[in-house]
Amino acid sequence: MSSISALLPDEAGAAGTHDRLLAAAAREFNTVGFYGTNTNKIARAAGFAPQTFYRHFEDKTDAFIAVYGAWQAQERGAVGKAVRSQGGAAAIARGVLQHHVDWRIFRRSLRLLAVEDARVRRARRGSREQQVEALERLPANTGRPRWSLYAALLTIERLCDAAADGELEDLGVDGSEAIAAIAAAIADVRGEGGKGTR
């Protein structure tokens, strides 16, 4: 869960109440899942009385969506760093997969809540739309149908979650093969052809 500490400012330092609550919510959601915690536990974990939570969030779902927003920003940062370092699809795949591994319990809650809760579903749809808009700006995707980019995005996302949850390993796919599969899907949307497995 090391990526949680990088998600928000130092809690003991200059972080405000909102950020401390958000960091506590992130830890709770990624330790015991959405249904394993409550707003009182989150507030106490942040060092506040339970009623403080409601000064910053409407409810637990609101906090979950805020954590999801921070999670997305962290993932975009990791992808951007890999792109700037000229790492190619395999480097991006390793970074994105590690992010999913670090946040696997949170991601499980996200998948479930996206089915059960309209607000989470809207937040997830908005995130995917932003990702596809970014992919559309790549020269390799000029004229590519949007549905094809959505399918590619979902393939990358599902492969990362399956690897993080051990599903691919259960099927006899080792770590390097999982990275190769994810990298190939990333290379496809980046227009790199067969370069994803380097």
N, C-alpha and C. Protein backbone atom coordinates (compact mmCIF):
# COMPACT_ATOMS: atom_id res chain seq x y z
N MET A 1 0.82 -1.19 0.00
CA MET A 1 0.00 0.00 0.00
C MET A 1 0.86 1.25 0.00
N SER A 2 2.08 1.15 -0.43
CA SER A 2 2.96 2.30 -0.43
C SER A 2 2.43 3.43 -1.29
N SER A 3 1.66 3.12 -2.32
CA SER A 3 1.18 4.18 -3.20
C SER A 3 0.15 5.05 -2.50
N ILE A 4 -0.44 4.60 -1.40
CA ILE A 4 -1.39 5.45 -0.67
C ILE A 4 -0.66 6.63 -0.07
N SER A 5 0.54 6.41 0.46
CA SER A 5 1.27 7.52 1.06
C SER A 5 1.64 8.55 0.01
N ALA A 6 1.81 8.14 -1.23
CA ALA A 6 2.12 9.09 -2.30
C ALA A 6 0.87 9.77 -2.85
N LEU A 7 -0.27 9.27 -2.47
CA LEU A 7 -1.54 9.80 -2.99
C LEU A 7 -1.82 11.20 -2.51
N LEU A 8 -1.49 11.47 -1.27
CA LEU A 8 -1.86 12.74 -0.64
C LEU A 8 -0.68 13.32 0.13
N PRO A 9 -0.78 14.58 0.53
CA PRO A 9 0.31 15.18 1.32
C PRO A 9 0.53 14.43 2.63
N ASP A 10 1.67 14.67 3.24
CA ASP A 10 2.03 14.08 4.53
C ASP A 10 0.98 14.43 5.57
N GLU A 11 0.33 13.40 6.12
CA GLU A 11 -0.76 13.62 7.07
C GLU A 11 -0.30 14.31 8.35
N ALA A 12 0.87 14.02 8.78
CA ALA A 12 1.35 14.59 10.04
C ALA A 12 1.81 16.03 9.85
N GLY A 13 2.04 16.41 8.60
CA GLY A 13 2.55 17.74 8.32
C GLY A 13 1.44 18.72 7.99
N ALA A 14 1.56 19.31 6.82
CA ALA A 14 0.71 20.43 6.44
C ALA A 14 -0.65 20.01 5.88
N ALA A 15 -0.93 18.75 5.79
CA ALA A 15 -2.20 18.31 5.19
C ALA A 15 -3.37 18.83 6.01
N GLY A 16 -4.37 19.30 5.30
CA GLY A 16 -5.57 19.78 5.96
C GLY A 16 -6.48 18.64 6.34
N THR A 17 -7.55 19.00 7.00
CA THR A 17 -8.52 18.02 7.47
C THR A 17 -9.06 17.18 6.32
N HIS A 18 -9.42 17.84 5.23
CA HIS A 18 -9.98 17.12 4.08
C HIS A 18 -9.00 16.06 3.57
N ASP A 19 -7.74 16.46 3.39
CA ASP A 19 -6.74 15.53 2.88
C ASP A 19 -6.47 14.39 3.86
N ARG A 20 -6.48 14.69 5.14
CA ARG A 20 -6.27 13.63 6.14
C ARG A 20 -7.43 12.64 6.11
N LEU A 21 -8.64 13.14 5.98
CA LEU A 21 -9.80 12.24 5.86
C LEU A 21 -9.71 11.41 4.59
N LEU A 22 -9.30 12.05 3.50
CA LEU A 22 -9.18 11.34 2.22
C LEU A 22 -8.13 10.24 2.31
N ALA A 23 -6.99 10.54 2.93
CA ALA A 23 -5.94 9.54 3.09
C ALA A 23 -6.42 8.39 3.97
N ALA A 24 -7.14 8.70 5.04
CA ALA A 24 -7.67 7.65 5.92
C ALA A 24 -8.69 6.80 5.17
N ALA A 25 -9.54 7.46 4.37
CA ALA A 25 -10.53 6.72 3.57
C ALA A 25 -9.83 5.80 2.58
N ALA A 26 -8.78 6.30 1.93
CA ALA A 26 -8.03 5.48 0.98
C ALA A 26 -7.46 4.24 1.65
N ARG A 27 -6.86 4.42 2.83
CA ARG A 27 -6.31 3.27 3.56
C ARG A 27 -7.41 2.28 3.93
N GLU A 28 -8.52 2.79 4.43
CA GLU A 28 -9.62 1.90 4.82
C GLU A 28 -10.17 1.14 3.61
N PHE A 29 -10.45 1.86 2.53
CA PHE A 29 -11.02 1.22 1.34
C PHE A 29 -10.06 0.21 0.74
N ASN A 30 -8.76 0.44 0.87
CA ASN A 30 -7.80 -0.48 0.29
C ASN A 30 -7.33 -1.56 1.27
N THR A 31 -7.81 -1.49 2.49
CA THR A 31 -7.48 -2.52 3.48
C THR A 31 -8.65 -3.46 3.70
N VAL A 32 -9.84 -2.89 3.90
CA VAL A 32 -11.01 -3.72 4.22
C VAL A 32 -12.14 -3.56 3.21
N GLY A 33 -11.94 -2.78 2.17
CA GLY A 33 -12.97 -2.59 1.16
C GLY A 33 -14.03 -1.59 1.59
N PHE A 34 -14.86 -1.22 0.64
CA PHE A 34 -15.91 -0.23 0.89
C PHE A 34 -16.86 -0.69 1.99
N TYR A 35 -17.30 -1.93 1.93
CA TYR A 35 -18.29 -2.42 2.90
C TYR A 35 -17.67 -2.82 4.24
N GLY A 36 -16.35 -2.87 4.31
CA GLY A 36 -15.69 -3.26 5.55
C GLY A 36 -15.42 -2.10 6.50
N THR A 37 -15.78 -0.90 6.10
CA THR A 37 -15.53 0.26 6.96
C THR A 37 -16.75 1.15 7.02
N ASN A 38 -16.66 2.20 7.82
CA ASN A 38 -17.75 3.18 7.90
C ASN A 38 -17.14 4.55 8.13
N THR A 39 -17.98 5.56 8.07
CA THR A 39 -17.50 6.93 8.18
C THR A 39 -16.88 7.21 9.55
N ASN A 40 -17.39 6.59 10.60
CA ASN A 40 -16.80 6.78 11.93
C ASN A 40 -15.36 6.27 11.97
N LYS A 41 -15.13 5.08 11.40
CA LYS A 41 -13.77 4.52 11.38
C LYS A 41 -12.83 5.41 10.58
N ILE A 42 -13.33 5.93 9.46
CA ILE A 42 -12.50 6.80 8.62
C ILE A 42 -12.10 8.05 9.40
N ALA A 43 -13.10 8.68 10.02
CA ALA A 43 -12.82 9.92 10.79
C ALA A 43 -11.83 9.64 11.92
N ARG A 44 -12.05 8.57 12.64
CA ARG A 44 -11.14 8.25 13.76
C ARG A 44 -9.73 7.93 13.26
N ALA A 45 -9.66 7.22 12.13
CA ALA A 45 -8.34 6.89 11.57
C ALA A 45 -7.58 8.14 11.15
N ALA A 46 -8.31 9.18 10.81
CA ALA A 46 -7.69 10.45 10.44
C ALA A 46 -7.39 11.32 11.66
N GLY A 47 -7.86 10.86 12.83
CA GLY A 47 -7.61 11.61 14.06
C GLY A 47 -8.68 12.63 14.41
N PHE A 48 -9.90 12.41 13.89
CA PHE A 48 -10.98 13.35 14.12
C PHE A 48 -12.19 12.66 14.74
N ALA A 49 -13.06 13.48 15.31
CA ALA A 49 -14.35 12.98 15.80
C ALA A 49 -15.21 12.59 14.60
N PRO A 50 -16.09 11.61 14.76
CA PRO A 50 -16.90 11.13 13.63
C PRO A 50 -17.66 12.22 12.86
N GLN A 51 -18.18 13.22 13.54
CA GLN A 51 -18.98 14.23 12.84
C GLN A 51 -18.14 15.08 11.88
N THR A 52 -16.84 15.11 12.06
CA THR A 52 -15.96 15.87 11.18
C THR A 52 -16.04 15.37 9.74
N PHE A 53 -16.24 14.07 9.60
CA PHE A 53 -16.32 13.48 8.27
C PHE A 53 -17.37 14.21 7.42
N TYR A 54 -18.53 14.48 8.00
CA TYR A 54 -19.66 15.04 7.25
C TYR A 54 -19.50 16.52 6.94
N ARG A 55 -18.48 17.15 7.47
CA ARG A 55 -18.18 18.53 7.08
C ARG A 55 -17.42 18.56 5.75
N HIS A 56 -16.91 17.40 5.35
CA HIS A 56 -16.08 17.33 4.14
C HIS A 56 -16.64 16.41 3.07
N PHE A 57 -17.45 15.46 3.45
CA PHE A 57 -18.02 14.51 2.50
C PHE A 57 -19.49 14.31 2.79
N GLU A 58 -20.26 14.13 1.73
CA GLU A 58 -21.70 13.90 1.89
C GLU A 58 -21.96 12.57 2.60
N ASP A 59 -21.22 11.55 2.18
CA ASP A 59 -21.37 10.21 2.75
C ASP A 59 -20.15 9.38 2.36
N LYS A 60 -20.17 8.12 2.69
CA LYS A 60 -19.03 7.24 2.41
C LYS A 60 -18.79 7.10 0.91
N THR A 61 -19.86 7.07 0.12
CA THR A 61 -19.71 6.97 -1.33
C THR A 61 -19.02 8.21 -1.89
N ASP A 62 -19.36 9.37 -1.36
CA ASP A 62 -18.71 10.60 -1.79
C ASP A 62 -17.20 10.53 -1.53
N ALA A 63 -16.83 10.01 -0.37
CA ALA A 63 -15.41 9.85 -0.05
C ALA A 63 -14.76 8.84 -0.99
N PHE A 64 -15.46 7.76 -1.30
CA PHE A 64 -14.93 6.73 -2.20
C PHE A 64 -14.66 7.34 -3.58
N ILE A 65 -15.59 8.14 -4.07
CA ILE A 65 -15.41 8.77 -5.38
C ILE A 65 -14.23 9.74 -5.35
N ALA A 66 -14.06 10.45 -4.24
CA ALA A 66 -12.91 11.35 -4.10
C ALA A 66 -11.60 10.57 -4.11
N VAL A 67 -11.57 9.43 -3.42
CA VAL A 67 -10.38 8.58 -3.44
C VAL A 67 -10.13 8.07 -4.86
N TYR A 68 -11.19 7.71 -5.55
CA TYR A 68 -11.06 7.24 -6.94
C TYR A 68 -10.43 8.34 -7.82
N GLY A 69 -10.86 9.57 -7.62
CA GLY A 69 -10.28 10.68 -8.37
C GLY A 69 -8.79 10.82 -8.10
N ALA A 70 -8.40 10.70 -6.85
CA ALA A 70 -6.98 10.78 -6.50
C ALA A 70 -6.22 9.59 -7.06
N TRP A 71 -6.83 8.41 -7.03
CA TRP A 71 -6.23 7.20 -7.59
C TRP A 71 -5.95 7.38 -9.07
N GLN A 72 -6.95 7.94 -9.79
CA GLN A 72 -6.79 8.17 -11.23
C GLN A 72 -5.64 9.13 -11.52
N ALA A 73 -5.58 10.21 -10.74
CA ALA A 73 -4.51 11.18 -10.94
C ALA A 73 -3.15 10.54 -10.72
N GLN A 74 -3.05 9.69 -9.72
CA GLN A 74 -1.80 9.00 -9.44
C GLN A 74 -1.43 8.07 -10.59
N GLU A 75 -2.41 7.37 -11.14
CA GLU A 75 -2.14 6.47 -12.26
C GLU A 75 -1.71 7.26 -13.50
N ARG A 76 -2.39 8.38 -13.79
CA ARG A 76 -1.99 9.22 -14.93
C ARG A 76 -0.55 9.71 -14.75
N GLY A 77 -0.19 10.05 -13.52
CA GLY A 77 1.17 10.48 -13.25
C GLY A 77 2.19 9.38 -13.53
N ALA A 78 1.86 8.16 -13.14
CA ALA A 78 2.76 7.03 -13.38
C ALA A 78 2.91 6.76 -14.87
N VAL A 79 1.81 6.83 -15.61
CA VAL A 79 1.86 6.63 -17.06
C VAL A 79 2.68 7.74 -17.71
N GLY A 80 2.42 8.98 -17.29
CA GLY A 80 3.17 10.11 -17.85
C GLY A 80 4.65 9.98 -17.60
N LYS A 81 5.02 9.55 -16.42
CA LYS A 81 6.43 9.37 -16.09
C LYS A 81 7.07 8.31 -16.99
N ALA A 82 6.36 7.19 -17.20
CA ALA A 82 6.88 6.13 -18.06
C ALA A 82 7.02 6.63 -19.50
N VAL A 83 6.06 7.41 -19.97
CA VAL A 83 6.12 7.94 -21.34
C VAL A 83 7.29 8.91 -21.47
N ARG A 84 7.46 9.81 -20.50
CA ARG A 84 8.55 10.80 -20.55
C ARG A 84 9.92 10.14 -20.50
N SER A 85 10.00 9.00 -19.83
CA SER A 85 11.30 8.31 -19.74
C SER A 85 11.56 7.43 -20.96
N GLN A 86 10.67 7.53 -21.96
CA GLN A 86 10.80 6.74 -23.20
C GLN A 86 10.78 5.24 -22.92
N GLY A 87 10.03 4.83 -21.90
CA GLY A 87 10.01 3.44 -21.51
C GLY A 87 9.22 2.53 -22.42
N GLY A 88 8.34 3.04 -23.21
CA GLY A 88 7.56 2.22 -24.10
C GLY A 88 6.43 1.49 -23.39
N ALA A 89 5.73 0.68 -24.14
CA ALA A 89 4.54 0.01 -23.65
C ALA A 89 4.82 -0.93 -22.48
N ALA A 90 5.95 -1.62 -22.50
CA ALA A 90 6.25 -2.55 -21.42
C ALA A 90 6.46 -1.80 -20.09
N ALA A 91 7.12 -0.65 -20.14
CA ALA A 91 7.32 0.14 -18.92
C ALA A 91 5.99 0.68 -18.41
N ILE A 92 5.16 1.13 -19.32
CA ILE A 92 3.83 1.60 -18.92
C ILE A 92 3.05 0.45 -18.31
N ALA A 93 3.11 -0.72 -18.93
CA ALA A 93 2.38 -1.89 -18.43
C ALA A 93 2.84 -2.25 -17.01
N ARG A 94 4.13 -2.24 -16.78
CA ARG A 94 4.64 -2.55 -15.44
C ARG A 94 4.13 -1.54 -14.42
N GLY A 95 4.16 -0.26 -14.77
CA GLY A 95 3.70 0.78 -13.85
C GLY A 95 2.22 0.69 -13.54
N VAL A 96 1.42 0.50 -14.59
CA VAL A 96 -0.03 0.42 -14.40
C VAL A 96 -0.38 -0.84 -13.62
N LEU A 97 0.26 -1.96 -13.94
CA LEU A 97 -0.02 -3.19 -13.21
C LEU A 97 0.35 -3.04 -11.74
N GLN A 98 1.50 -2.44 -11.44
CA GLN A 98 1.88 -2.25 -10.04
C GLN A 98 0.86 -1.39 -9.31
N HIS A 99 0.35 -0.39 -9.99
CA HIS A 99 -0.67 0.48 -9.39
C HIS A 99 -1.92 -0.33 -9.05
N HIS A 100 -2.30 -1.22 -9.95
CA HIS A 100 -3.47 -2.08 -9.69
C HIS A 100 -3.19 -3.06 -8.56
N VAL A 101 -1.98 -3.59 -8.51
CA VAL A 101 -1.61 -4.50 -7.42
C VAL A 101 -1.67 -3.76 -6.08
N ASP A 102 -1.09 -2.57 -6.04
CA ASP A 102 -1.07 -1.80 -4.79
C ASP A 102 -2.49 -1.46 -4.31
N TRP A 103 -3.41 -1.35 -5.23
CA TRP A 103 -4.77 -0.91 -4.91
C TRP A 103 -5.81 -2.00 -5.18
N ARG A 104 -5.43 -3.27 -5.13
CA ARG A 104 -6.34 -4.33 -5.56
C ARG A 104 -7.62 -4.40 -4.73
N ILE A 105 -7.58 -4.18 -3.45
CA ILE A 105 -8.81 -4.25 -2.65
C ILE A 105 -9.72 -3.07 -2.98
N PHE A 106 -9.14 -1.89 -3.13
CA PHE A 106 -9.91 -0.73 -3.58
C PHE A 106 -10.55 -1.01 -4.93
N ARG A 107 -9.78 -1.58 -5.85
CA ARG A 107 -10.28 -1.87 -7.20
C ARG A 107 -11.43 -2.88 -7.15
N ARG A 108 -11.34 -3.86 -6.26
CA ARG A 108 -12.46 -4.82 -6.13
C ARG A 108 -13.73 -4.09 -5.73
N SER A 109 -13.61 -3.18 -4.76
CA SER A 109 -14.77 -2.39 -4.35
C SER A 109 -15.27 -1.53 -5.51
N LEU A 110 -14.37 -0.96 -6.27
CA LEU A 110 -14.75 -0.13 -7.41
C LEU A 110 -15.56 -0.93 -8.42
N ARG A 111 -15.12 -2.13 -8.73
CA ARG A 111 -15.85 -2.96 -9.71
C ARG A 111 -17.25 -3.27 -9.21
N LEU A 112 -17.37 -3.60 -7.93
CA LEU A 112 -18.68 -3.92 -7.36
C LEU A 112 -19.57 -2.69 -7.29
N LEU A 113 -19.04 -1.60 -6.80
CA LEU A 113 -19.84 -0.38 -6.65
C LEU A 113 -20.28 0.19 -7.99
N ALA A 114 -19.47 0.00 -9.03
CA ALA A 114 -19.85 0.50 -10.35
C ALA A 114 -21.10 -0.22 -10.87
N VAL A 115 -21.37 -1.40 -10.36
CA VAL A 115 -22.59 -2.13 -10.72
C VAL A 115 -23.75 -1.70 -9.81
N GLU A 116 -23.45 -1.46 -8.54
CA GLU A 116 -24.50 -1.22 -7.54
C GLU A 116 -24.89 0.24 -7.33
N ASP A 117 -23.98 1.16 -7.60
CA ASP A 117 -24.21 2.55 -7.22
C ASP A 117 -24.08 3.46 -8.44
N ALA A 118 -25.15 4.20 -8.74
CA ALA A 118 -25.17 5.05 -9.93
C ALA A 118 -24.11 6.15 -9.88
N ARG A 119 -23.82 6.68 -8.71
CA ARG A 119 -22.80 7.75 -8.62
C ARG A 119 -21.41 7.21 -8.95
N VAL A 120 -21.08 6.04 -8.44
CA VAL A 120 -19.78 5.45 -8.74
C VAL A 120 -19.71 5.08 -10.22
N ARG A 121 -20.80 4.57 -10.74
CA ARG A 121 -20.84 4.22 -12.16
C ARG A 121 -20.59 5.45 -13.03
N ARG A 122 -21.22 6.58 -12.68
CA ARG A 122 -21.00 7.82 -13.44
C ARG A 122 -19.55 8.28 -13.34
N ALA A 123 -18.97 8.19 -12.14
CA ALA A 123 -17.58 8.59 -11.96
C ALA A 123 -16.65 7.71 -12.80
N ARG A 124 -16.93 6.44 -12.81
CA ARG A 124 -16.10 5.51 -13.59
C ARG A 124 -16.25 5.76 -15.09
N ARG A 125 -17.49 6.00 -15.52
CA ARG A 125 -17.72 6.30 -16.94
C ARG A 125 -16.97 7.58 -17.31
N GLY A 126 -17.05 8.60 -16.46
CA GLY A 126 -16.34 9.85 -16.73
C GLY A 126 -14.84 9.65 -16.85
N SER A 127 -14.29 8.83 -15.99
CA SER A 127 -12.87 8.54 -16.05
C SER A 127 -12.51 7.85 -17.37
N ARG A 128 -13.29 6.88 -17.75
CA ARG A 128 -13.00 6.17 -19.00
C ARG A 128 -13.15 7.09 -20.20
N GLU A 129 -14.12 7.98 -20.17
CA GLU A 129 -14.29 8.92 -21.28
C GLU A 129 -13.07 9.84 -21.39
N GLN A 130 -12.54 10.29 -20.26
CA GLN A 130 -11.34 11.13 -20.28
C GLN A 130 -10.15 10.35 -20.84
N GLN A 131 -10.03 9.09 -20.46
CA GLN A 131 -8.92 8.27 -20.95
C GLN A 131 -9.02 8.09 -22.46
N VAL A 132 -10.23 7.83 -22.95
CA VAL A 132 -10.40 7.63 -24.38
C VAL A 132 -10.17 8.94 -25.14
N GLU A 133 -10.60 10.06 -24.59
CA GLU A 133 -10.31 11.35 -25.22
C GLU A 133 -8.81 11.57 -25.34
N ALA A 134 -8.05 11.19 -24.33
CA ALA A 134 -6.59 11.30 -24.40
C ALA A 134 -6.03 10.37 -25.47
N LEU A 135 -6.56 9.16 -25.55
CA LEU A 135 -6.10 8.21 -26.57
C LEU A 135 -6.43 8.71 -27.98
N GLU A 136 -7.56 9.38 -28.14
CA GLU A 136 -7.95 9.90 -29.46
C GLU A 136 -6.97 10.96 -29.96
N ARG A 137 -6.29 11.62 -29.05
CA ARG A 137 -5.33 12.66 -29.44
C ARG A 137 -4.01 12.08 -29.97
N LEU A 138 -3.79 10.79 -29.75
CA LEU A 138 -2.57 10.17 -30.26
C LEU A 138 -2.70 9.99 -31.78
N PRO A 139 -1.65 10.33 -32.53
CA PRO A 139 -1.72 10.20 -33.99
C PRO A 139 -2.12 8.80 -34.46
N ALA A 140 -1.71 7.78 -33.73
CA ALA A 140 -2.02 6.40 -34.12
C ALA A 140 -3.52 6.11 -34.13
N ASN A 141 -4.28 6.93 -33.41
CA ASN A 141 -5.72 6.66 -33.28
C ASN A 141 -6.59 7.57 -34.12
N THR A 142 -5.99 8.35 -35.00
CA THR A 142 -6.76 9.23 -35.88
C THR A 142 -7.70 8.38 -36.73
N GLY A 143 -8.97 8.68 -36.64
CA GLY A 143 -9.96 7.95 -37.42
C GLY A 143 -10.37 6.61 -36.82
N ARG A 144 -9.76 6.22 -35.74
CA ARG A 144 -10.11 4.94 -35.11
C ARG A 144 -11.46 5.09 -34.42
N PRO A 145 -12.35 4.13 -34.60
CA PRO A 145 -13.66 4.25 -33.95
C PRO A 145 -13.54 4.28 -32.43
N ARG A 146 -14.36 5.11 -31.82
CA ARG A 146 -14.32 5.27 -30.36
C ARG A 146 -14.59 3.93 -29.66
N TRP A 147 -15.49 3.13 -30.20
CA TRP A 147 -15.80 1.84 -29.56
C TRP A 147 -14.55 0.97 -29.48
N SER A 148 -13.68 1.08 -30.49
CA SER A 148 -12.45 0.29 -30.51
C SER A 148 -11.51 0.72 -29.39
N LEU A 149 -11.47 2.04 -29.13
CA LEU A 149 -10.64 2.54 -28.04
C LEU A 149 -11.21 2.14 -26.68
N TYR A 150 -12.53 2.17 -26.55
CA TYR A 150 -13.14 1.70 -25.31
C TYR A 150 -12.81 0.23 -25.08
N ALA A 151 -12.90 -0.57 -26.14
CA ALA A 151 -12.59 -2.00 -26.00
C ALA A 151 -11.13 -2.20 -25.59
N ALA A 152 -10.23 -1.42 -26.19
CA ALA A 152 -8.81 -1.52 -25.84
C ALA A 152 -8.57 -1.12 -24.39
N LEU A 153 -9.20 -0.02 -23.98
CA LEU A 153 -9.06 0.46 -22.60
C LEU A 153 -9.57 -0.59 -21.62
N LEU A 154 -10.74 -1.17 -21.91
CA LEU A 154 -11.29 -2.19 -21.02
C LEU A 154 -10.41 -3.44 -20.99
N THR A 155 -9.80 -3.76 -22.10
CA THR A 155 -8.89 -4.91 -22.14
C THR A 155 -7.70 -4.67 -21.21
N ILE A 156 -7.10 -3.49 -21.31
CA ILE A 156 -5.96 -3.15 -20.45
C ILE A 156 -6.38 -3.19 -18.98
N GLU A 157 -7.50 -2.55 -18.70
CA GLU A 157 -7.99 -2.48 -17.32
C GLU A 157 -8.27 -3.87 -16.76
N ARG A 158 -8.95 -4.68 -17.53
CA ARG A 158 -9.32 -6.02 -17.04
C ARG A 158 -8.10 -6.92 -16.89
N LEU A 159 -7.16 -6.84 -17.81
CA LEU A 159 -5.94 -7.63 -17.68
C LEU A 159 -5.17 -7.24 -16.42
N CYS A 160 -5.09 -5.93 -16.14
CA CYS A 160 -4.39 -5.47 -14.93
C CYS A 160 -5.09 -5.97 -13.67
N ASP A 161 -6.41 -5.87 -13.63
CA ASP A 161 -7.14 -6.35 -12.47
C ASP A 161 -7.00 -7.87 -12.31
N ALA A 162 -7.06 -8.60 -13.43
CA ALA A 162 -6.94 -10.06 -13.37
C ALA A 162 -5.54 -10.47 -12.88
N ALA A 163 -4.53 -9.77 -13.34
CA ALA A 163 -3.17 -10.06 -12.87
C ALA A 163 -3.02 -9.70 -11.39
N ALA A 164 -3.55 -8.53 -11.00
CA ALA A 164 -3.43 -8.08 -9.61
C ALA A 164 -4.14 -9.03 -8.65
N ASP A 165 -5.27 -9.57 -9.08
CA ASP A 165 -6.05 -10.46 -8.23
C ASP A 165 -5.59 -11.92 -8.29
N GLY A 166 -4.58 -12.22 -9.10
CA GLY A 166 -4.07 -13.59 -9.19
C GLY A 166 -4.83 -14.48 -10.14
N GLU A 167 -5.80 -13.93 -10.87
CA GLU A 167 -6.58 -14.75 -11.79
C GLU A 167 -5.73 -15.30 -12.92
N LEU A 168 -4.83 -14.48 -13.47
CA LEU A 168 -3.99 -14.95 -14.57
C LEU A 168 -3.04 -16.04 -14.08
N GLU A 169 -2.50 -15.84 -12.89
CA GLU A 169 -1.61 -16.85 -12.30
C GLU A 169 -2.35 -18.18 -12.12
N ASP A 170 -3.62 -18.10 -11.68
CA ASP A 170 -4.43 -19.30 -11.52
C ASP A 170 -4.59 -20.06 -12.84
N LEU A 171 -4.51 -19.33 -13.94
CA LEU A 171 -4.66 -19.93 -15.27
C LEU A 171 -3.32 -20.33 -15.88
N GLY A 172 -2.25 -20.22 -15.10
CA GLY A 172 -0.93 -20.63 -15.56
C GLY A 172 -0.18 -19.55 -16.32
N VAL A 173 -0.66 -18.31 -16.27
CA VAL A 173 0.02 -17.21 -16.93
C VAL A 173 0.98 -16.57 -15.92
N ASP A 174 2.27 -16.61 -16.23
CA ASP A 174 3.22 -16.04 -15.26
C ASP A 174 3.30 -14.52 -15.41
N GLY A 175 4.04 -13.90 -14.51
CA GLY A 175 4.12 -12.45 -14.47
C GLY A 175 4.63 -11.81 -15.75
N SER A 176 5.65 -12.41 -16.35
CA SER A 176 6.20 -11.82 -17.58
C SER A 176 5.21 -11.93 -18.73
N GLU A 177 4.45 -13.03 -18.75
CA GLU A 177 3.42 -13.18 -19.79
C GLU A 177 2.28 -12.19 -19.58
N ALA A 178 1.93 -11.93 -18.32
CA ALA A 178 0.89 -10.94 -18.03
C ALA A 178 1.34 -9.56 -18.47
N ILE A 179 2.58 -9.20 -18.17
CA ILE A 179 3.12 -7.91 -18.60
C ILE A 179 3.11 -7.83 -20.13
N ALA A 180 3.49 -8.91 -20.79
CA ALA A 180 3.51 -8.92 -22.26
C ALA A 180 2.11 -8.69 -22.83
N ALA A 181 1.10 -9.31 -22.23
CA ALA A 181 -0.27 -9.14 -22.71
C ALA A 181 -0.75 -7.70 -22.52
N ILE A 182 -0.48 -7.15 -21.36
CA ILE A 182 -0.87 -5.77 -21.07
C ILE A 182 -0.11 -4.81 -21.98
N ALA A 183 1.19 -5.06 -22.15
CA ALA A 183 2.01 -4.20 -23.00
C ALA A 183 1.54 -4.25 -24.45
N ALA A 184 1.13 -5.41 -24.92
CA ALA A 184 0.63 -5.52 -26.30
C ALA A 184 -0.63 -4.69 -26.49
N ALA A 185 -1.51 -4.71 -25.50
CA ALA A 185 -2.74 -3.90 -25.58
C ALA A 185 -2.40 -2.42 -25.53
N ILE A 186 -1.43 -2.04 -24.71
CA ILE A 186 -1.00 -0.63 -24.63
C ILE A 186 -0.33 -0.22 -25.94
N ALA A 187 0.54 -1.07 -26.47
CA ALA A 187 1.21 -0.77 -27.74
C ALA A 187 0.19 -0.57 -28.86
N ASP A 188 -0.87 -1.33 -28.84
CA ASP A 188 -1.92 -1.19 -29.85
C ASP A 188 -2.51 0.22 -29.83
N VAL A 189 -2.87 0.72 -28.64
CA VAL A 189 -3.50 2.04 -28.59
C VAL A 189 -2.47 3.17 -28.79
N ARG A 190 -1.19 2.85 -28.64
CA ARG A 190 -0.15 3.86 -28.88
C ARG A 190 0.40 3.78 -30.30
N GLY A 191 -0.10 2.81 -31.09
CA GLY A 191 0.36 2.69 -32.47
C GLY A 191 1.75 2.14 -32.61
N GLU A 192 2.15 1.31 -31.67
CA GLU A 192 3.51 0.75 -31.67
C GLU A 192 3.58 -0.63 -32.27
N GLY A 193 2.48 -1.13 -32.79
CA GLY A 193 2.49 -2.45 -33.41
C GLY A 193 2.94 -3.52 -32.46
N GLY A 194 3.92 -4.31 -32.82
CA GLY A 194 4.40 -5.43 -32.01
C GLY A 194 5.44 -5.05 -30.99
N LYS A 195 5.58 -3.76 -30.70
CA LYS A 195 6.63 -3.33 -29.77
C LYS A 195 6.28 -3.52 -28.30
N GLY A 196 5.09 -3.95 -27.99
CA GLY A 196 4.65 -3.99 -26.60
C GLY A 196 5.37 -4.98 -25.73
N THR A 197 5.97 -5.98 -26.30
CA THR A 197 6.55 -7.03 -25.48
C THR A 197 8.03 -6.84 -25.19
N ARG A 198 8.60 -5.71 -25.61
CA ARG A 198 10.04 -5.51 -25.33
C ARG A 198 10.31 -5.34 -23.87
